[in-house]
Amino acid sequence: MSADSLRIELACATVAQQELLELWVAADQSVGQIIEQSGIYERFVGQGLETAPVGIWGRPVDRDQKVREGDRIEIYRPLQMDPREARRRLAEAGRTMNQTRED
């Protein structure tokens, strides 16, 4: 790749499907531009990725954020349940997050 190219990763996951793409992109591109050009929308049709929150390495960012070499763009999906609520329900059932269903 040219000196103006950066290697980045794009990660997206649903309950049923995960994708981790390695991409070479122009140095002046934004998170939003990279997501649109990656073809990820076609892989996750109907998942609402166009408006989903995004981040770089676990830190929320705006879609107009420019990327740097080695960044990992992450597209976040809504949580099925608030983690605090999940822990509360497990505690009521006498279980913890570390226990399997058979325990």
N, C-alpha and C. Protein backbone atom coordinates (compact mmCIF):
# COMPACT_ATOMS: atom_id res chain seq x y z
N MET A 1 0.83 -1.18 0.00
CA MET A 1 0.00 0.00 0.00
C MET A 1 0.88 1.25 0.00
N SER A 2 0.29 2.36 -0.33
CA SER A 2 1.06 3.60 -0.41
C SER A 2 1.32 4.17 0.98
N ALA A 3 2.19 5.15 1.02
CA ALA A 3 2.54 5.79 2.29
C ALA A 3 1.34 6.53 2.88
N ASP A 4 0.34 6.84 2.05
CA ASP A 4 -0.85 7.55 2.50
C ASP A 4 -1.93 6.60 3.01
N SER A 5 -1.64 5.30 3.07
CA SER A 5 -2.62 4.31 3.50
C SER A 5 -2.37 3.88 4.94
N LEU A 6 -3.47 3.58 5.62
CA LEU A 6 -3.41 3.10 6.99
C LEU A 6 -4.08 1.73 7.07
N ARG A 7 -3.53 0.87 7.92
CA ARG A 7 -4.17 -0.42 8.16
C ARG A 7 -5.04 -0.25 9.40
N ILE A 8 -6.33 -0.55 9.26
CA ILE A 8 -7.25 -0.48 10.38
C ILE A 8 -8.09 -1.75 10.38
N GLU A 9 -8.82 -1.96 11.46
CA GLU A 9 -9.76 -3.06 11.56
C GLU A 9 -11.15 -2.49 11.77
N LEU A 10 -12.15 -3.21 11.30
CA LEU A 10 -13.54 -2.86 11.51
C LEU A 10 -14.23 -4.06 12.12
N ALA A 11 -14.80 -3.87 13.31
CA ALA A 11 -15.45 -4.97 14.03
C ALA A 11 -16.94 -4.67 14.20
N CYS A 12 -17.73 -5.71 13.96
CA CYS A 12 -19.17 -5.60 14.15
C CYS A 12 -19.68 -6.98 14.53
N ALA A 13 -20.64 -7.02 15.45
CA ALA A 13 -21.17 -8.31 15.88
C ALA A 13 -22.63 -8.20 16.28
N THR A 14 -23.36 -9.25 15.98
CA THR A 14 -24.70 -9.44 16.51
C THR A 14 -24.65 -10.75 17.27
N VAL A 15 -25.77 -11.17 17.83
CA VAL A 15 -25.80 -12.44 18.53
C VAL A 15 -25.44 -13.58 17.59
N ALA A 16 -25.89 -13.48 16.35
CA ALA A 16 -25.72 -14.59 15.40
C ALA A 16 -24.51 -14.46 14.47
N GLN A 17 -23.93 -13.29 14.36
CA GLN A 17 -22.91 -13.07 13.33
C GLN A 17 -21.86 -12.08 13.82
N GLN A 18 -20.59 -12.38 13.50
CA GLN A 18 -19.50 -11.48 13.84
C GLN A 18 -18.63 -11.26 12.60
N GLU A 19 -18.10 -10.07 12.46
CA GLU A 19 -17.18 -9.75 11.36
C GLU A 19 -16.04 -8.93 11.93
N LEU A 20 -14.83 -9.26 11.53
CA LEU A 20 -13.66 -8.46 11.83
C LEU A 20 -12.91 -8.31 10.51
N LEU A 21 -12.95 -7.12 9.95
CA LEU A 21 -12.34 -6.86 8.65
C LEU A 21 -11.04 -6.10 8.83
N GLU A 22 -10.02 -6.50 8.08
CA GLU A 22 -8.79 -5.72 8.02
C GLU A 22 -8.86 -4.92 6.72
N LEU A 23 -8.68 -3.61 6.85
CA LEU A 23 -8.83 -2.72 5.69
C LEU A 23 -7.62 -1.80 5.57
N TRP A 24 -7.30 -1.46 4.34
CA TRP A 24 -6.31 -0.41 4.06
C TRP A 24 -7.11 0.78 3.58
N VAL A 25 -6.95 1.91 4.23
CA VAL A 25 -7.75 3.10 3.93
C VAL A 25 -6.86 4.32 3.77
N ALA A 26 -7.41 5.33 3.11
CA ALA A 26 -6.68 6.59 2.97
C ALA A 26 -6.55 7.26 4.34
N ALA A 27 -5.42 7.90 4.56
CA ALA A 27 -5.11 8.48 5.86
C ALA A 27 -6.08 9.57 6.29
N ASP A 28 -6.76 10.20 5.37
CA ASP A 28 -7.64 11.32 5.73
C ASP A 28 -9.10 10.91 5.88
N GLN A 29 -9.40 9.63 5.93
CA GLN A 29 -10.80 9.20 6.00
C GLN A 29 -11.31 9.19 7.43
N SER A 30 -12.63 9.38 7.53
CA SER A 30 -13.29 9.37 8.84
C SER A 30 -13.86 7.99 9.12
N VAL A 31 -14.22 7.78 10.35
CA VAL A 31 -14.84 6.52 10.76
C VAL A 31 -16.09 6.25 9.92
N GLY A 32 -16.93 7.25 9.75
CA GLY A 32 -18.16 7.08 8.97
C GLY A 32 -17.90 6.71 7.52
N GLN A 33 -16.92 7.37 6.91
CA GLN A 33 -16.59 7.06 5.51
C GLN A 33 -16.10 5.63 5.37
N ILE A 34 -15.27 5.20 6.29
CA ILE A 34 -14.72 3.85 6.23
C ILE A 34 -15.83 2.81 6.40
N ILE A 35 -16.72 3.05 7.35
CA ILE A 35 -17.83 2.11 7.56
C ILE A 35 -18.67 2.00 6.30
N GLU A 36 -19.02 3.14 5.71
CA GLU A 36 -19.84 3.13 4.50
C GLU A 36 -19.16 2.40 3.35
N GLN A 37 -17.88 2.61 3.17
CA GLN A 37 -17.15 2.02 2.05
C GLN A 37 -16.80 0.54 2.28
N SER A 38 -16.89 0.08 3.52
CA SER A 38 -16.46 -1.29 3.84
C SER A 38 -17.40 -2.37 3.33
N GLY A 39 -18.65 -2.02 3.06
CA GLY A 39 -19.63 -3.03 2.67
C GLY A 39 -20.27 -3.74 3.85
N ILE A 40 -20.02 -3.27 5.06
CA ILE A 40 -20.54 -3.92 6.26
C ILE A 40 -22.06 -3.83 6.34
N TYR A 41 -22.65 -2.77 5.80
CA TYR A 41 -24.11 -2.63 5.83
C TYR A 41 -24.77 -3.78 5.08
N GLU A 42 -24.15 -4.22 3.99
CA GLU A 42 -24.70 -5.33 3.20
C GLU A 42 -24.58 -6.66 3.94
N ARG A 43 -23.60 -6.79 4.82
CA ARG A 43 -23.42 -8.03 5.58
C ARG A 43 -24.38 -8.12 6.76
N PHE A 44 -24.84 -6.97 7.26
CA PHE A 44 -25.72 -6.92 8.43
C PHE A 44 -27.00 -6.16 8.07
N VAL A 45 -27.69 -6.62 7.07
CA VAL A 45 -28.90 -5.96 6.60
C VAL A 45 -29.96 -5.93 7.70
N GLY A 46 -30.58 -4.77 7.86
CA GLY A 46 -31.67 -4.62 8.81
C GLY A 46 -31.25 -4.55 10.26
N GLN A 47 -29.98 -4.36 10.55
CA GLN A 47 -29.50 -4.32 11.93
C GLN A 47 -29.39 -2.89 12.48
N GLY A 48 -29.67 -1.89 11.65
CA GLY A 48 -29.62 -0.51 12.12
C GLY A 48 -28.21 0.03 12.31
N LEU A 49 -27.26 -0.51 11.58
CA LEU A 49 -25.88 -0.07 11.75
C LEU A 49 -25.65 1.38 11.31
N GLU A 50 -26.50 1.86 10.43
CA GLU A 50 -26.33 3.22 9.92
C GLU A 50 -26.42 4.26 11.03
N THR A 51 -27.13 3.96 12.10
CA THR A 51 -27.30 4.91 13.20
C THR A 51 -26.73 4.39 14.52
N ALA A 52 -26.10 3.23 14.50
CA ALA A 52 -25.56 2.64 15.72
C ALA A 52 -24.37 3.45 16.23
N PRO A 53 -24.16 3.47 17.53
CA PRO A 53 -22.97 4.12 18.07
C PRO A 53 -21.71 3.42 17.59
N VAL A 54 -20.63 4.18 17.49
CA VAL A 54 -19.34 3.63 17.04
C VAL A 54 -18.25 4.04 18.01
N GLY A 55 -17.14 3.31 17.96
CA GLY A 55 -16.01 3.65 18.81
C GLY A 55 -14.72 3.16 18.19
N ILE A 56 -13.63 3.56 18.79
CA ILE A 56 -12.30 3.09 18.42
C ILE A 56 -11.69 2.51 19.68
N TRP A 57 -11.39 1.21 19.62
CA TRP A 57 -10.81 0.49 20.75
C TRP A 57 -11.60 0.72 22.04
N GLY A 58 -12.93 0.61 21.95
CA GLY A 58 -13.77 0.69 23.15
C GLY A 58 -14.09 2.08 23.63
N ARG A 59 -13.64 3.09 22.93
CA ARG A 59 -13.90 4.48 23.31
C ARG A 59 -14.87 5.09 22.30
N PRO A 60 -16.06 5.50 22.73
CA PRO A 60 -17.03 6.07 21.80
C PRO A 60 -16.45 7.29 21.07
N VAL A 61 -16.71 7.37 19.76
CA VAL A 61 -16.27 8.50 18.94
C VAL A 61 -17.40 8.90 18.01
N ASP A 62 -17.31 10.10 17.46
CA ASP A 62 -18.23 10.54 16.42
C ASP A 62 -17.82 9.93 15.10
N ARG A 63 -18.76 9.81 14.19
CA ARG A 63 -18.45 9.22 12.88
C ARG A 63 -17.53 10.11 12.04
N ASP A 64 -17.37 11.37 12.40
CA ASP A 64 -16.47 12.23 11.64
C ASP A 64 -15.04 12.20 12.17
N GLN A 65 -14.79 11.38 13.19
CA GLN A 65 -13.44 11.20 13.75
C GLN A 65 -12.51 10.61 12.69
N LYS A 66 -11.34 11.18 12.52
CA LYS A 66 -10.33 10.64 11.61
C LYS A 66 -9.65 9.44 12.26
N VAL A 67 -9.22 8.49 11.45
CA VAL A 67 -8.58 7.30 11.99
C VAL A 67 -7.06 7.42 11.93
N ARG A 68 -6.41 6.57 12.74
CA ARG A 68 -4.95 6.50 12.76
C ARG A 68 -4.54 5.06 12.50
N GLU A 69 -3.29 4.87 12.15
CA GLU A 69 -2.74 3.54 11.90
C GLU A 69 -3.03 2.62 13.09
N GLY A 70 -3.55 1.43 12.79
CA GLY A 70 -3.80 0.44 13.82
C GLY A 70 -5.11 0.58 14.57
N ASP A 71 -5.92 1.60 14.27
CA ASP A 71 -7.21 1.77 14.95
C ASP A 71 -8.12 0.58 14.66
N ARG A 72 -8.96 0.27 15.61
CA ARG A 72 -10.01 -0.72 15.39
C ARG A 72 -11.34 -0.02 15.60
N ILE A 73 -12.06 0.15 14.51
CA ILE A 73 -13.39 0.76 14.56
C ILE A 73 -14.37 -0.31 15.01
N GLU A 74 -15.21 0.02 15.96
CA GLU A 74 -16.20 -0.92 16.47
C GLU A 74 -17.59 -0.30 16.29
N ILE A 75 -18.50 -1.10 15.77
CA ILE A 75 -19.89 -0.68 15.64
C ILE A 75 -20.64 -1.38 16.77
N TYR A 76 -21.28 -0.59 17.62
CA TYR A 76 -21.93 -1.14 18.81
C TYR A 76 -23.41 -1.40 18.55
N ARG A 77 -23.87 -2.53 19.04
CA ARG A 77 -25.29 -2.85 18.95
C ARG A 77 -25.92 -2.56 20.30
N PRO A 78 -27.23 -2.36 20.31
CA PRO A 78 -27.88 -2.13 21.60
C PRO A 78 -27.77 -3.37 22.48
N LEU A 79 -27.65 -3.17 23.77
CA LEU A 79 -27.62 -4.29 24.70
C LEU A 79 -29.00 -4.92 24.78
N GLN A 80 -29.04 -6.23 24.90
CA GLN A 80 -30.31 -6.92 25.08
C GLN A 80 -30.90 -6.60 26.46
N MET A 81 -29.99 -6.40 27.43
CA MET A 81 -30.41 -6.10 28.79
C MET A 81 -29.28 -5.34 29.47
N ASP A 82 -29.64 -4.39 30.29
CA ASP A 82 -28.64 -3.66 31.05
C ASP A 82 -27.87 -4.65 31.93
N PRO A 83 -26.54 -4.61 31.92
CA PRO A 83 -25.76 -5.56 32.72
C PRO A 83 -26.12 -5.55 34.21
N ARG A 84 -26.47 -4.40 34.73
CA ARG A 84 -26.86 -4.35 36.14
C ARG A 84 -28.15 -5.12 36.38
N GLU A 85 -29.07 -5.01 35.44
CA GLU A 85 -30.33 -5.75 35.55
C GLU A 85 -30.08 -7.24 35.43
N ALA A 86 -29.18 -7.65 34.55
CA ALA A 86 -28.85 -9.07 34.40
C ALA A 86 -28.27 -9.62 35.71
N ARG A 87 -27.36 -8.87 36.32
CA ARG A 87 -26.77 -9.32 37.59
C ARG A 87 -27.83 -9.39 38.70
N ARG A 88 -28.73 -8.41 38.72
CA ARG A 88 -29.79 -8.40 39.73
C ARG A 88 -30.66 -9.64 39.59
N ARG A 89 -31.03 -9.98 38.36
CA ARG A 89 -31.87 -11.16 38.13
C ARG A 89 -31.14 -12.44 38.51
N LEU A 90 -29.87 -12.52 38.20
CA LEU A 90 -29.10 -13.69 38.59
C LEU A 90 -29.02 -13.82 40.10
N ALA A 91 -28.79 -12.68 40.77
CA ALA A 91 -28.71 -12.70 42.23
C ALA A 91 -30.02 -13.17 42.84
N GLU A 92 -31.13 -12.74 42.28
CA GLU A 92 -32.43 -13.17 42.78
C GLU A 92 -32.60 -14.68 42.62
N ALA A 93 -31.99 -15.24 41.58
CA ALA A 93 -32.07 -16.68 41.33
C ALA A 93 -30.98 -17.44 42.09
N GLY A 94 -30.15 -16.73 42.85
CA GLY A 94 -29.09 -17.37 43.61
C GLY A 94 -27.89 -17.79 42.77
N ARG A 95 -27.69 -17.11 41.65
CA ARG A 95 -26.57 -17.44 40.75
C ARG A 95 -25.70 -16.21 40.55
N THR A 96 -24.54 -16.42 39.92
CA THR A 96 -23.64 -15.32 39.57
C THR A 96 -23.35 -15.38 38.08
N MET A 97 -22.69 -14.34 37.57
CA MET A 97 -22.34 -14.28 36.15
C MET A 97 -21.40 -15.42 35.75
N ASN A 98 -20.61 -15.93 36.70
CA ASN A 98 -19.63 -16.97 36.40
C ASN A 98 -20.21 -18.38 36.40
N GLN A 99 -21.43 -18.55 36.84
CA GLN A 99 -22.03 -19.88 36.89
C GLN A 99 -22.70 -20.20 35.57
N THR A 100 -22.56 -21.45 35.16
CA THR A 100 -23.26 -21.91 33.96
C THR A 100 -24.68 -22.31 34.34
N ARG A 101 -25.50 -22.57 33.37
CA ARG A 101 -26.88 -22.97 33.64
C ARG A 101 -26.99 -24.30 34.37
N GLU A 102 -26.01 -25.18 34.19
CA GLU A 102 -26.04 -26.49 34.83
C GLU A 102 -25.66 -26.42 36.30
N ASP A 103 -25.01 -25.32 36.73
CA ASP A 103 -24.55 -25.22 38.11
C ASP A 103 -25.71 -25.17 39.08
